[in-house]
């Protein structure tokens, strides 16, 4: 009798958890979002843009990369809605898309820098 109760409780508990999970589409999008942070170059670009808005040439100089390579990564980040570009004269200044991106970076860095 006790074994049946444990099984019923486990099944009920599992169902409760299952109901509270985001749907598969949201989980997939979350995994894709975190892939953007998985590339060190993209993470550096996001880190630079946390400091201030920069154009492609400035980012290339800071990172010691070619303008072409930085432009490619910016296209990827724009596609993921992590950065946005604002035209200023002949240049485009890039910034973090919104406060959520800054919070993700801050939380990630806090976690990485924790003493374990």
PDB file of N, CA and C in Angstrom:
ATOM      1  N   UNK A   1       0.826  -1.186   0.000  1.00  0.00           N
ATOM      2  CA  UNK A   1       0.000   0.000   0.000  1.00  0.00           C
ATOM      3  C   UNK A   1       0.874   1.255   0.000  1.00  0.00           C
ATOM      4  N   UNK A   2       1.933   1.261   0.809  1.00  0.00           N
ATOM      5  CA  UNK A   2       2.815   2.413   0.910  1.00  0.00           C
ATOM      6  C   UNK A   2       3.516   2.675  -0.424  1.00  0.00           C
ATOM      7  N   UNK A   3       3.902   1.629  -1.140  1.00  0.00           N
ATOM      8  CA  UNK A   3       4.570   1.763  -2.433  1.00  0.00           C
ATOM      9  C   UNK A   3       3.650   2.438  -3.448  1.00  0.00           C
ATOM     10  N   UNK A   4       2.368   2.127  -3.459  1.00  0.00           N
ATOM     11  CA  UNK A   4       1.408   2.724  -4.385  1.00  0.00           C
ATOM     12  C   UNK A   4       1.278   4.217  -4.101  1.00  0.00           C
ATOM     13  N   UNK A   5       1.234   4.594  -2.816  1.00  0.00           N
ATOM     14  CA  UNK A   5       1.122   6.012  -2.452  1.00  0.00           C
ATOM     15  C   UNK A   5       2.340   6.792  -2.934  1.00  0.00           C
ATOM     16  N   UNK A   6       3.544   6.234  -2.790  1.00  0.00           N
ATOM     17  CA  UNK A   6       4.757   6.896  -3.246  1.00  0.00           C
ATOM     18  C   UNK A   6       4.719   7.108  -4.755  1.00  0.00           C
ATOM     19  N   UNK A   7       4.275   6.098  -5.486  1.00  0.00           N
ATOM     20  CA  UNK A   7       4.201   6.190  -6.939  1.00  0.00           C
ATOM     21  C   UNK A   7       3.191   7.248  -7.359  1.00  0.00           C
ATOM     22  N   UNK A   8       2.021   7.277  -6.715  1.00  0.00           N
ATOM     23  CA  UNK A   8       1.000   8.282  -7.027  1.00  0.00           C
ATOM     24  C   UNK A   8       1.512   9.679  -6.723  1.00  0.00           C
ATOM     25  N   UNK A   9       2.204   9.833  -5.611  1.00  0.00           N
ATOM     26  CA  UNK A   9       2.750  11.135  -5.234  1.00  0.00           C
ATOM     27  C   UNK A   9       3.808  11.581  -6.233  1.00  0.00           C
ATOM     28  N   UNK A  10       4.668  10.682  -6.647  1.00  0.00           N
ATOM     29  CA  UNK A  10       5.705  11.007  -7.618  1.00  0.00           C
ATOM     30  C   UNK A  10       5.079  11.405  -8.947  1.00  0.00           C
ATOM     31  N   UNK A  11       4.054  10.684  -9.373  1.00  0.00           N
ATOM     32  CA  UNK A  11       3.388  10.996 -10.638  1.00  0.00           C
ATOM     33  C   UNK A  11       2.706  12.354 -10.564  1.00  0.00           C
ATOM     34  N   UNK A  12       2.056  12.628  -9.449  1.00  0.00           N
ATOM     35  CA  UNK A  12       1.405  13.922  -9.257  1.00  0.00           C
ATOM     36  C   UNK A  12       2.436  15.035  -9.244  1.00  0.00           C
ATOM     37  N   UNK A  13       3.534  14.821  -8.557  1.00  0.00           N
ATOM     38  CA  UNK A  13       4.601  15.807  -8.483  1.00  0.00           C
ATOM     39  C   UNK A  13       5.207  16.072  -9.856  1.00  0.00           C
ATOM     40  N   UNK A  14       5.447  15.010 -10.603  1.00  0.00           N
ATOM     41  CA  UNK A  14       6.000  15.148 -11.946  1.00  0.00           C
ATOM     42  C   UNK A  14       5.043  15.923 -12.841  1.00  0.00           C
ATOM     43  N   UNK A  15       3.765  15.664 -12.724  1.00  0.00           N
ATOM     44  CA  UNK A  15       2.762  16.362 -13.534  1.00  0.00           C
ATOM     45  C   UNK A  15       2.712  17.840 -13.166  1.00  0.00           C
ATOM     46  N   UNK A  16       2.829  18.160 -11.885  1.00  0.00           N
ATOM     47  CA  UNK A  16       2.853  19.561 -11.453  1.00  0.00           C
ATOM     48  C   UNK A  16       4.019  20.301 -12.081  1.00  0.00           C
ATOM     49  N   UNK A  17       5.181  19.680 -12.053  1.00  0.00           N
ATOM     50  CA  UNK A  17       6.377  20.288 -12.639  1.00  0.00           C
ATOM     51  C   UNK A  17       6.192  20.447 -14.142  1.00  0.00           C
ATOM     52  N   UNK A  18       5.707  19.400 -14.790  1.00  0.00           N
ATOM     53  CA  UNK A  18       5.501  19.426 -16.233  1.00  0.00           C
ATOM     54  C   UNK A  18       4.581  20.573 -16.636  1.00  0.00           C
ATOM     55  N   UNK A  19       3.521  20.805 -15.877  1.00  0.00           N
ATOM     56  CA  UNK A  19       2.557  21.868 -16.182  1.00  0.00           C
ATOM     57  C   UNK A  19       3.181  23.265 -16.059  1.00  0.00           C
ATOM     58  N   UNK A  20       4.183  23.390 -15.201  1.00  0.00           N
ATOM     59  CA  UNK A  20       4.797  24.693 -14.967  1.00  0.00           C
ATOM     60  C   UNK A  20       5.961  24.995 -15.913  1.00  0.00           C
ATOM     61  N   UNK A  21       6.380  24.000 -16.685  1.00  0.00           N
ATOM     62  CA  UNK A  21       7.458  24.217 -17.652  1.00  0.00           C
ATOM     63  C   UNK A  21       6.974  25.101 -18.792  1.00  0.00           C
ATOM     64  N   UNK A  22       7.852  25.953 -19.311  1.00  0.00           N
ATOM     65  CA  UNK A  22       7.492  26.680 -20.535  1.00  0.00           C
ATOM     66  C   UNK A  22       7.279  25.681 -21.667  1.00  0.00           C
ATOM     67  N   UNK A  23       6.517  26.079 -22.686  1.00  0.00           N
ATOM     68  CA  UNK A  23       6.270  25.160 -23.800  1.00  0.00           C
ATOM     69  C   UNK A  23       7.562  24.935 -24.584  1.00  0.00           C
ATOM     70  N   UNK A  24       7.547  23.910 -25.412  1.00  0.00           N
ATOM     71  CA  UNK A  24       8.749  23.517 -26.161  1.00  0.00           C
ATOM     72  C   UNK A  24       9.286  24.648 -27.041  1.00  0.00           C
ATOM     73  N   UNK A  25       8.398  25.430 -27.624  1.00  0.00           N
ATOM     74  CA  UNK A  25       8.825  26.545 -28.465  1.00  0.00           C
ATOM     75  C   UNK A  25       9.611  27.578 -27.681  1.00  0.00           C
ATOM     76  N   UNK A  26       9.129  27.900 -26.482  1.00  0.00           N
ATOM     77  CA  UNK A  26       9.825  28.874 -25.633  1.00  0.00           C
ATOM     78  C   UNK A  26      11.172  28.313 -25.171  1.00  0.00           C
ATOM     79  N   UNK A  27      11.215  27.046 -24.841  1.00  0.00           N
ATOM     80  CA  UNK A  27      12.475  26.414 -24.424  1.00  0.00           C
ATOM     81  C   UNK A  27      13.485  26.444 -25.569  1.00  0.00           C
ATOM     82  N   UNK A  28      13.026  26.161 -26.783  1.00  0.00           N
ATOM     83  CA  UNK A  28      13.907  26.189 -27.955  1.00  0.00           C
ATOM     84  C   UNK A  28      14.469  27.599 -28.144  1.00  0.00           C
ATOM     85  N   UNK A  29      13.593  28.612 -28.078  1.00  0.00           N
ATOM     86  CA  UNK A  29      14.043  30.000 -28.249  1.00  0.00           C
ATOM     87  C   UNK A  29      15.030  30.404 -27.157  1.00  0.00           C
ATOM     88  N   UNK A  30      14.804  29.939 -25.939  1.00  0.00           N
ATOM     89  CA  UNK A  30      15.727  30.235 -24.840  1.00  0.00           C
ATOM     90  C   UNK A  30      17.095  29.616 -25.106  1.00  0.00           C
ATOM     91  N   UNK A  31      17.102  28.387 -25.571  1.00  0.00           N
ATOM     92  CA  UNK A  31      18.365  27.717 -25.892  1.00  0.00           C
ATOM     93  C   UNK A  31      19.095  28.461 -27.011  1.00  0.00           C
ATOM     94  N   UNK A  32      18.362  28.913 -28.017  1.00  0.00           N
ATOM     95  CA  UNK A  32      18.962  29.679 -29.105  1.00  0.00           C
ATOM     96  C   UNK A  32      19.526  31.001 -28.596  1.00  0.00           C
ATOM     97  N   UNK A  33      18.815  31.651 -27.687  1.00  0.00           N
ATOM     98  CA  UNK A  33      19.292  32.902 -27.092  1.00  0.00           C
ATOM     99  C   UNK A  33      20.617  32.673 -26.383  1.00  0.00           C
ATOM    100  N   UNK A  34      20.683  31.636 -25.575  1.00  0.00           N
ATOM    101  CA  UNK A  34      21.910  31.379 -24.829  1.00  0.00           C
ATOM    102  C   UNK A  34      23.071  30.977 -25.735  1.00  0.00           C
ATOM    103  N   UNK A  35      22.783  30.442 -26.906  1.00  0.00           N
ATOM    104  CA  UNK A  35      23.849  30.150 -27.868  1.00  0.00           C
ATOM    105  C   UNK A  35      24.567  31.433 -28.273  1.00  0.00           C
ATOM    106  N   UNK A  36      23.833  32.539 -28.324  1.00  0.00           N
ATOM    107  CA  UNK A  36      24.431  33.826 -28.698  1.00  0.00           C
ATOM    108  C   UNK A  36      25.512  34.234 -27.699  1.00  0.00           C
ATOM    109  N   UNK A  37      25.316  33.889 -26.451  1.00  0.00           N
ATOM    110  CA  UNK A  37      26.269  34.226 -25.402  1.00  0.00           C
ATOM    111  C   UNK A  37      27.399  33.204 -25.331  1.00  0.00           C
ATOM    112  N   UNK A  38      27.278  32.125 -26.083  1.00  0.00           N
ATOM    113  CA  UNK A  38      28.269  31.056 -26.057  1.00  0.00           C
ATOM    114  C   UNK A  38      29.502  31.326 -26.903  1.00  0.00           C
ATOM    115  N   UNK A  39      29.473  32.384 -27.679  1.00  0.00           N
ATOM    116  CA  UNK A  39      30.612  32.735 -28.515  1.00  0.00           C
ATOM    117  C   UNK A  39      31.390  33.866 -27.835  1.00  0.00           C
ATOM    118  N   UNK A  40      32.683  33.668 -27.555  1.00  0.00           N
ATOM    119  CA  UNK A  40      33.461  34.692 -26.843  1.00  0.00           C
ATOM    120  C   UNK A  40      33.491  36.054 -27.552  1.00  0.00           C
ATOM    121  N   UNK A  41      33.545  36.058 -28.870  1.00  0.00           N
ATOM    122  CA  UNK A  41      33.566  37.329 -29.595  1.00  0.00           C
ATOM    123  C   UNK A  41      32.256  38.087 -29.391  1.00  0.00           C
ATOM    124  N   UNK A  42      31.144  37.385 -29.506  1.00  0.00           N
ATOM    125  CA  UNK A  42      29.852  38.043 -29.293  1.00  0.00           C
ATOM    126  C   UNK A  42      29.729  38.518 -27.854  1.00  0.00           C
ATOM    127  N   UNK A  43      30.206  37.718 -26.904  1.00  0.00           N
ATOM    128  CA  UNK A  43      30.152  38.128 -25.503  1.00  0.00           C
ATOM    129  C   UNK A  43      30.997  39.387 -25.275  1.00  0.00           C
ATOM    130  N   UNK A  44      32.149  39.465 -25.931  1.00  0.00           N
ATOM    131  CA  UNK A  44      32.988  40.667 -25.813  1.00  0.00           C
ATOM    132  C   UNK A  44      32.289  41.886 -26.404  1.00  0.00           C
ATOM    133  N   UNK A  45      31.653  41.705 -27.544  1.00  0.00           N
ATOM    134  CA  UNK A  45      30.922  42.818 -28.160  1.00  0.00           C
ATOM    135  C   UNK A  45      29.826  43.304 -27.213  1.00  0.00           C
ATOM    136  N   UNK A  46      29.081  42.376 -26.648  1.00  0.00           N
ATOM    137  CA  UNK A  46      28.030  42.754 -25.705  1.00  0.00           C
ATOM    138  C   UNK A  46      28.620  43.459 -24.483  1.00  0.00           C
ATOM    139  N   UNK A  47      29.772  42.979 -24.031  1.00  0.00           N
ATOM    140  CA  UNK A  47      30.447  43.631 -22.907  1.00  0.00           C
ATOM    141  C   UNK A  47      30.852  45.056 -23.245  1.00  0.00           C
ATOM    142  N   UNK A  48      31.370  45.266 -24.436  1.00  0.00           N
ATOM    143  CA  UNK A  48      31.741  46.617 -24.881  1.00  0.00           C
ATOM    144  C   UNK A  48      30.520  47.529 -24.903  1.00  0.00           C
ATOM    145  N   UNK A  49      29.409  46.988 -25.404  1.00  0.00           N
ATOM    146  CA  UNK A  49      28.201  47.801 -25.531  1.00  0.00           C
ATOM    147  C   UNK A  49      27.520  48.040 -24.191  1.00  0.00           C
ATOM    148  N   UNK A  50      27.909  47.296 -23.179  1.00  0.00           N
ATOM    149  CA  UNK A  50      27.450  47.608 -21.823  1.00  0.00           C
ATOM    150  C   UNK A  50      28.101  48.894 -21.334  1.00  0.00           C
ATOM    151  N   UNK A  51      29.336  49.131 -21.775  1.00  0.00           N
ATOM    152  CA  UNK A  51      30.079  50.325 -21.364  1.00  0.00           C
ATOM    153  C   UNK A  51      29.508  51.556 -22.057  1.00  0.00           C
ATOM    154  N   UNK A  52      29.376  51.474 -23.389  1.00  0.00           N
ATOM    155  CA  UNK A  52      28.768  52.588 -24.129  1.00  0.00           C
ATOM    156  C   UNK A  52      28.459  52.157 -25.556  1.00  0.00           C
ATOM    157  N   UNK A  53      27.644  52.948 -26.233  1.00  0.00           N
ATOM    158  CA  UNK A  53      27.313  52.697 -27.627  1.00  0.00           C
ATOM    159  C   UNK A  53      28.561  52.927 -28.471  1.00  0.00           C
ATOM    160  N   UNK A  54      28.772  52.056 -29.458  1.00  0.00           N
ATOM    161  CA  UNK A  54      29.959  52.137 -30.306  1.00  0.00           C
ATOM    162  C   UNK A  54      29.606  51.829 -31.750  1.00  0.00           C
ATOM    163  N   UNK A  55      30.379  52.385 -32.680  1.00  0.00           N
ATOM    164  CA  UNK A  55      30.217  52.032 -34.087  1.00  0.00           C
ATOM    165  C   UNK A  55      31.120  50.828 -34.390  1.00  0.00           C
ATOM    166  N   UNK A  56      30.957  50.253 -35.562  1.00  0.00           N
ATOM    167  CA  UNK A  56      31.696  49.051 -35.946  1.00  0.00           C
ATOM    168  C   UNK A  56      33.204  49.272 -35.853  1.00  0.00           C
ATOM    169  N   UNK A  57      33.671  50.396 -36.363  1.00  0.00           N
ATOM    170  CA  UNK A  57      35.107  50.684 -36.342  1.00  0.00           C
ATOM    171  C   UNK A  57      35.659  50.767 -34.927  1.00  0.00           C
ATOM    172  N   UNK A  58      34.896  51.365 -34.029  1.00  0.00           N
ATOM    173  CA  UNK A  58      35.337  51.460 -32.631  1.00  0.00           C
ATOM    174  C   UNK A  58      35.398  50.077 -31.995  1.00  0.00           C
ATOM    175  N   UNK A  59      34.384  49.263 -32.255  1.00  0.00           N
ATOM    176  CA  UNK A  59      34.387  47.894 -31.724  1.00  0.00           C
ATOM    177  C   UNK A  59      35.572  47.109 -32.267  1.00  0.00           C
ATOM    178  N   UNK A  60      35.830  47.259 -33.563  1.00  0.00           N
ATOM    179  CA  UNK A  60      36.953  46.546 -34.178  1.00  0.00           C
ATOM    180  C   UNK A  60      38.268  46.952 -33.528  1.00  0.00           C
ATOM    181  N   UNK A  61      38.417  48.240 -33.253  1.00  0.00           N
ATOM    182  CA  UNK A  61      39.645  48.729 -32.620  1.00  0.00           C
ATOM    183  C   UNK A  61      39.792  48.184 -31.196  1.00  0.00           C
ATOM    184  N   UNK A  62      38.733  48.268 -30.431  1.00  0.00           N
ATOM    185  CA  UNK A  62      38.774  47.781 -29.047  1.00  0.00           C
ATOM    186  C   UNK A  62      39.106  46.292 -29.004  1.00  0.00           C
ATOM    187  N   UNK A  63      38.506  45.516 -29.906  1.00  0.00           N
ATOM    188  CA  UNK A  63      38.661  44.063 -29.884  1.00  0.00           C
ATOM    189  C   UNK A  63      39.858  43.564 -30.680  1.00  0.00           C
ATOM    190  N   UNK A  64      40.504  44.454 -31.420  1.00  0.00           N
ATOM    191  CA  UNK A  64      41.637  44.035 -32.239  1.00  0.00           C
ATOM    192  C   UNK A  64      41.213  43.102 -33.357  1.00  0.00           C
ATOM    193  N   UNK A  65      40.063  43.381 -33.949  1.00  0.00           N
ATOM    194  CA  UNK A  65      39.509  42.542 -35.009  1.00  0.00           C
ATOM    195  C   UNK A  65      39.280  43.382 -36.256  1.00  0.00           C
ATOM    196  N   UNK A  66      38.993  42.709 -37.357  1.00  0.00           N
ATOM    197  CA  UNK A  66      38.663  43.431 -38.588  1.00  0.00           C
ATOM    198  C   UNK A  66      37.225  43.948 -38.505  1.00  0.00           C
ATOM    199  N   UNK A  67      36.979  45.016 -39.229  1.00  0.00           N
ATOM    200  CA  UNK A  67      35.630  45.577 -39.295  1.00  0.00           C
ATOM    201  C   UNK A  67      34.666  44.533 -39.858  1.00  0.00           C
ATOM    202  N   UNK A  68      35.122  43.771 -40.837  1.00  0.00           N
ATOM    203  CA  UNK A  68      34.296  42.741 -41.447  1.00  0.00           C
ATOM    204  C   UNK A  68      33.865  41.682 -40.428  1.00  0.00           C
ATOM    205  N   UNK A  69      34.805  41.228 -39.610  1.00  0.00           N
ATOM    206  CA  UNK A  69      34.496  40.195 -38.607  1.00  0.00           C
ATOM    207  C   UNK A  69      33.514  40.728 -37.564  1.00  0.00           C
ATOM    208  N   UNK A  70      33.714  41.975 -37.136  1.00  0.00           N
ATOM    209  CA  UNK A  70      32.807  42.574 -36.155  1.00  0.00           C
ATOM    210  C   UNK A  70      31.427  42.762 -36.778  1.00  0.00           C
ATOM    211  N   UNK A  71      31.382  43.225 -38.025  1.00  0.00           N
ATOM    212  CA  UNK A  71      30.102  43.420 -38.719  1.00  0.00           C
ATOM    213  C   UNK A  71      29.315  42.118 -38.794  1.00  0.00           C
ATOM    214  N   UNK A  72      30.015  41.029 -39.085  1.00  0.00           N
ATOM    215  CA  UNK A  72      29.357  39.725 -39.149  1.00  0.00           C
ATOM    216  C   UNK A  72      28.712  39.372 -37.809  1.00  0.00           C
ATOM    217  N   UNK A  73      29.468  39.538 -36.727  1.00  0.00           N
ATOM    218  CA  UNK A  73      28.935  39.207 -35.399  1.00  0.00           C
ATOM    219  C   UNK A  73      27.778  40.137 -35.010  1.00  0.00           C
ATOM    220  N   UNK A  74      27.877  41.398 -35.406  1.00  0.00           N
ATOM    221  CA  UNK A  74      26.785  42.336 -35.120  1.00  0.00           C
ATOM    222  C   UNK A  74      25.505  41.928 -35.851  1.00  0.00           C
ATOM    223  N   UNK A  75      25.640  41.425 -37.076  1.00  0.00           N
ATOM    224  CA  UNK A  75      24.461  40.945 -37.812  1.00  0.00           C
ATOM    225  C   UNK A  75      23.796  39.795 -37.060  1.00  0.00           C
ATOM    226  N   UNK A  76      24.624  38.885 -36.550  1.00  0.00           N
ATOM    227  CA  UNK A  76      24.092  37.750 -35.779  1.00  0.00           C
ATOM    228  C   UNK A  76      23.385  38.256 -34.521  1.00  0.00           C
ATOM    229  N   UNK A  77      24.014  39.190 -33.821  1.00  0.00           N
ATOM    230  CA  UNK A  77      23.434  39.724 -32.585  1.00  0.00           C
ATOM    231  C   UNK A  77      22.159  40.526 -32.856  1.00  0.00           C
ATOM    232  N   UNK A  78      22.135  41.238 -33.972  1.00  0.00           N
ATOM    233  CA  UNK A  78      20.915  41.970 -34.341  1.00  0.00           C
ATOM    234  C   UNK A  78      19.791  40.996 -34.652  1.00  0.00           C
ATOM    235  N   UNK A  79      20.119  39.924 -35.344  1.00  0.00           N
ATOM    236  CA  UNK A  79      19.120  38.904 -35.673  1.00  0.00           C
ATOM    237  C   UNK A  79      18.519  38.270 -34.429  1.00  0.00           C
ATOM    238  N   UNK A  80      19.298  38.214 -33.370  1.00  0.00           N
ATOM    239  CA  UNK A  80      18.831  37.641 -32.099  1.00  0.00           C
ATOM    240  C   UNK A  80      18.197  38.702 -31.203  1.00  0.00           C
ATOM    241  N   UNK A  81      18.095  39.930 -31.705  1.00  0.00           N
ATOM    242  CA  UNK A  81      17.513  41.060 -30.967  1.00  0.00           C
ATOM    243  C   UNK A  81      18.272  41.371 -29.685  1.00  0.00           C
ATOM    244  N   UNK A  82      19.593  41.210 -29.742  1.00  0.00           N
ATOM    245  CA  UNK A  82      20.425  41.534 -28.589  1.00  0.00           C
ATOM    246  C   UNK A  82      21.074  42.902 -28.729  1.00  0.00           C
ATOM    247  N   UNK A  83      21.278  43.357 -29.959  1.00  0.00           N
ATOM    248  CA  UNK A  83      21.806  44.702 -30.203  1.00  0.00           C
ATOM    249  C   UNK A  83      20.939  45.388 -31.246  1.00  0.00           C
ATOM    250  N   UNK A  84      21.021  46.707 -31.250  1.00  0.00           N
ATOM    251  CA  UNK A  84      20.322  47.486 -32.270  1.00  0.00           C
ATOM    252  C   UNK A  84      21.261  48.559 -32.776  1.00  0.00           C
ATOM    253  N   UNK A  85      21.031  49.004 -33.979  1.00  0.00           N
ATOM    254  CA  UNK A  85      21.853  50.041 -34.584  1.00  0.00           C
ATOM    255  C   UNK A  85      21.033  51.291 -34.823  1.00  0.00           C
ATOM    256  N   UNK A  86      21.650  52.436 -34.553  1.00  0.00           N
ATOM    257  CA  UNK A  86      21.006  53.722 -34.781  1.00  0.00           C
ATOM    258  C   UNK A  86      21.910  54.530 -35.698  1.00  0.00           C
ATOM    259  N   UNK A  87      21.364  54.952 -36.810  1.00  0.00           N
ATOM    260  CA  UNK A  87      22.143  55.706 -37.795  1.00  0.00           C
ATOM    261  C   UNK A  87      22.429  57.102 -37.251  1.00  0.00           C
ATOM    262  N   UNK A  88      23.712  57.468 -37.262  1.00  0.00           N
ATOM    263  CA  UNK A  88      24.158  58.799 -36.854  1.00  0.00           C
ATOM    264  C   UNK A  88      25.059  59.332 -37.958  1.00  0.00           C
ATOM    265  N   UNK A  89      24.484  60.129 -38.846  1.00  0.00           N
ATOM    266  CA  UNK A  89      25.243  60.598 -39.996  1.00  0.00           C
ATOM    267  C   UNK A  89      25.547  59.432 -40.910  1.00  0.00           C
ATOM    268  N   UNK A  90      26.832  59.246 -41.200  1.00  0.00           N
ATOM    269  CA  UNK A  90      27.247  58.136 -42.065  1.00  0.00           C
ATOM    270  C   UNK A  90      27.497  56.856 -41.283  1.00  0.00           C
ATOM    271  N   UNK A  91      27.534  56.948 -39.966  1.00  0.00           N
ATOM    272  CA  UNK A  91      27.851  55.782 -39.135  1.00  0.00           C
ATOM    273  C   UNK A  91      26.600  55.224 -38.460  1.00  0.00           C
ATOM    274  N   UNK A  92      26.726  53.989 -38.030  1.00  0.00           N
ATOM    275  CA  UNK A  92      25.683  53.351 -37.232  1.00  0.00           C
ATOM    276  C   UNK A  92      26.282  53.077 -35.865  1.00  0.00           C
ATOM    277  N   UNK A  93      25.639  53.601 -34.840  1.00  0.00           N
ATOM    278  CA  UNK A  93      26.057  53.332 -33.467  1.00  0.00           C
ATOM    279  C   UNK A  93      25.261  52.135 -32.968  1.00  0.00           C
ATOM    280  N   UNK A  94      25.965  51.193 -32.382  1.00  0.00           N
ATOM    281  CA  UNK A  94      25.314  50.001 -31.857  1.00  0.00           C
ATOM    282  C   UNK A  94      25.183  50.111 -30.348  1.00  0.00           C
ATOM    283  N   UNK A  95      24.081  49.562 -29.849  1.00  0.00           N
ATOM    284  CA  UNK A  95      23.819  49.538 -28.414  1.00  0.00           C
ATOM    285  C   UNK A  95      23.122  48.227 -28.082  1.00  0.00           C
ATOM    286  N   UNK A  96      23.059  47.916 -26.804  1.00  0.00           N
ATOM    287  CA  UNK A  96      22.284  46.750 -26.380  1.00  0.00           C
ATOM    288  C   UNK A  96      20.825  47.017 -26.705  1.00  0.00           C
ATOM    289  N   UNK A  97      20.112  46.007 -27.114  1.00  0.00           N
ATOM    290  CA  UNK A  97      18.738  46.197 -27.565  1.00  0.00           C
ATOM    291  C   UNK A  97      17.820  46.692 -26.460  1.00  0.00           C
ATOM    292  N   UNK A  98      17.990  46.175 -25.244  1.00  0.00           N
ATOM    293  CA  UNK A  98      17.165  46.633 -24.124  1.00  0.00           C
ATOM    294  C   UNK A  98      17.826  46.255 -22.801  1.00  0.00           C
ATOM    295  N   UNK A  99      17.175  46.615 -21.711  1.00  0.00           N
ATOM    296  CA  UNK A  99      17.732  46.358 -20.374  1.00  0.00           C
ATOM    297  C   UNK A  99      17.867  44.867 -20.073  1.00  0.00           C
ATOM    298  N   UNK A 100      17.051  44.044 -20.717  1.00  0.00           N
ATOM    299  CA  UNK A 100      17.137  42.598 -20.466  1.00  0.00           C
ATOM    300  C   UNK A 100      18.509  42.052 -20.846  1.00  0.00           C
ATOM    301  N   UNK A 101      19.062  42.560 -21.927  1.00  0.00           N
ATOM    302  CA  UNK A 101      20.369  42.080 -22.385  1.00  0.00           C
ATOM    303  C   UNK A 101      21.432  42.435 -21.352  1.00  0.00           C
ATOM    304  N   UNK A 102      21.370  43.663 -20.831  1.00  0.00           N
ATOM    305  CA  UNK A 102      22.318  44.084 -19.801  1.00  0.00           C
ATOM    306  C   UNK A 102      22.166  43.219 -18.549  1.00  0.00           C
ATOM    307  N   UNK A 103      20.939  42.895 -18.178  1.00  0.00           N
ATOM    308  CA  UNK A 103      20.701  42.068 -16.993  1.00  0.00           C
ATOM    309  C   UNK A 103      21.246  40.649 -17.183  1.00  0.00           C
ATOM    310  N   UNK A 104      21.056  40.099 -18.384  1.00  0.00           N
ATOM    311  CA  UNK A 104      21.586  38.756 -18.667  1.00  0.00           C
ATOM    312  C   UNK A 104      23.106  38.769 -18.521  1.00  0.00           C
ATOM    313  N   UNK A 105      23.743  39.790 -19.098  1.00  0.00           N
ATOM    314  CA  UNK A 105      25.202  39.913 -18.992  1.00  0.00           C
ATOM    315  C   UNK A 105      25.628  40.054 -17.534  1.00  0.00           C
ATOM    316  N   UNK A 106      24.960  40.920 -16.792  1.00  0.00           N
ATOM    317  CA  UNK A 106      25.311  41.145 -15.383  1.00  0.00           C
ATOM    318  C   UNK A 106      25.150  39.866 -14.561  1.00  0.00           C
ATOM    319  N   UNK A 107      24.041  39.173 -14.747  1.00  0.00           N
ATOM    320  CA  UNK A 107      23.811  37.927 -13.999  1.00  0.00           C
ATOM    321  C   UNK A 107      24.848  36.870 -14.367  1.00  0.00           C
ATOM    322  N   UNK A 108      25.139  36.750 -15.646  1.00  0.00           N
ATOM    323  CA  UNK A 108      26.131  35.772 -16.087  1.00  0.00           C
ATOM    324  C   UNK A 108      27.504  36.063 -15.517  1.00  0.00           C
ATOM    325  N   UNK A 109      27.909  37.325 -15.558  1.00  0.00           N
ATOM    326  CA  UNK A 109      29.225  37.686 -15.029  1.00  0.00           C
ATOM    327  C   UNK A 109      29.295  37.520 -13.518  1.00  0.00           C
ATOM    328  N   UNK A 110      28.205  37.847 -12.843  1.00  0.00           N
ATOM    329  CA  UNK A 110      28.158  37.632 -11.391  1.00  0.00           C
ATOM    330  C   UNK A 110      28.347  36.152 -11.080  1.00  0.00           C
ATOM    331  N   UNK A 111      27.660  35.328 -11.819  1.00  0.00           N
ATOM    332  CA  UNK A 111      27.751  33.872 -11.605  1.00  0.00           C
ATOM    333  C   UNK A 111      29.169  33.362 -11.884  1.00  0.00           C
ATOM    334  N   UNK A 112      29.748  33.813 -12.982  1.00  0.00           N
ATOM    335  CA  UNK A 112      31.096  33.372 -13.369  1.00  0.00           C
ATOM    336  C   UNK A 112      32.136  33.823 -12.344  1.00  0.00           C
ATOM    337  N   UNK A 113      31.955  34.999 -11.777  1.00  0.00           N
ATOM    338  CA  UNK A 113      32.926  35.559 -10.848  1.00  0.00           C
ATOM    339  C   UNK A 113      32.712  35.148  -9.389  1.00  0.00           C
ATOM    340  N   UNK A 114      31.676  34.375  -9.116  1.00  0.00           N
ATOM    341  CA  UNK A 114      31.445  33.895  -7.754  1.00  0.00           C
ATOM    342  C   UNK A 114      32.592  33.013  -7.301  1.00  0.00           C
ATOM    343  N   UNK A 115      32.932  33.138  -6.058  1.00  0.00           N
ATOM    344  CA  UNK A 115      33.916  32.198  -5.498  1.00  0.00           C
ATOM    345  C   UNK A 115      33.215  30.883  -5.264  1.00  0.00           C
ATOM    346  N   UNK A 116      33.831  29.843  -5.699  1.00  0.00           N
ATOM    347  CA  UNK A 116      33.203  28.513  -5.546  1.00  0.00           C
ATOM    348  C   UNK A 116      33.885  27.731  -4.476  1.00  0.00           C
TER     349      UNK A 116
END
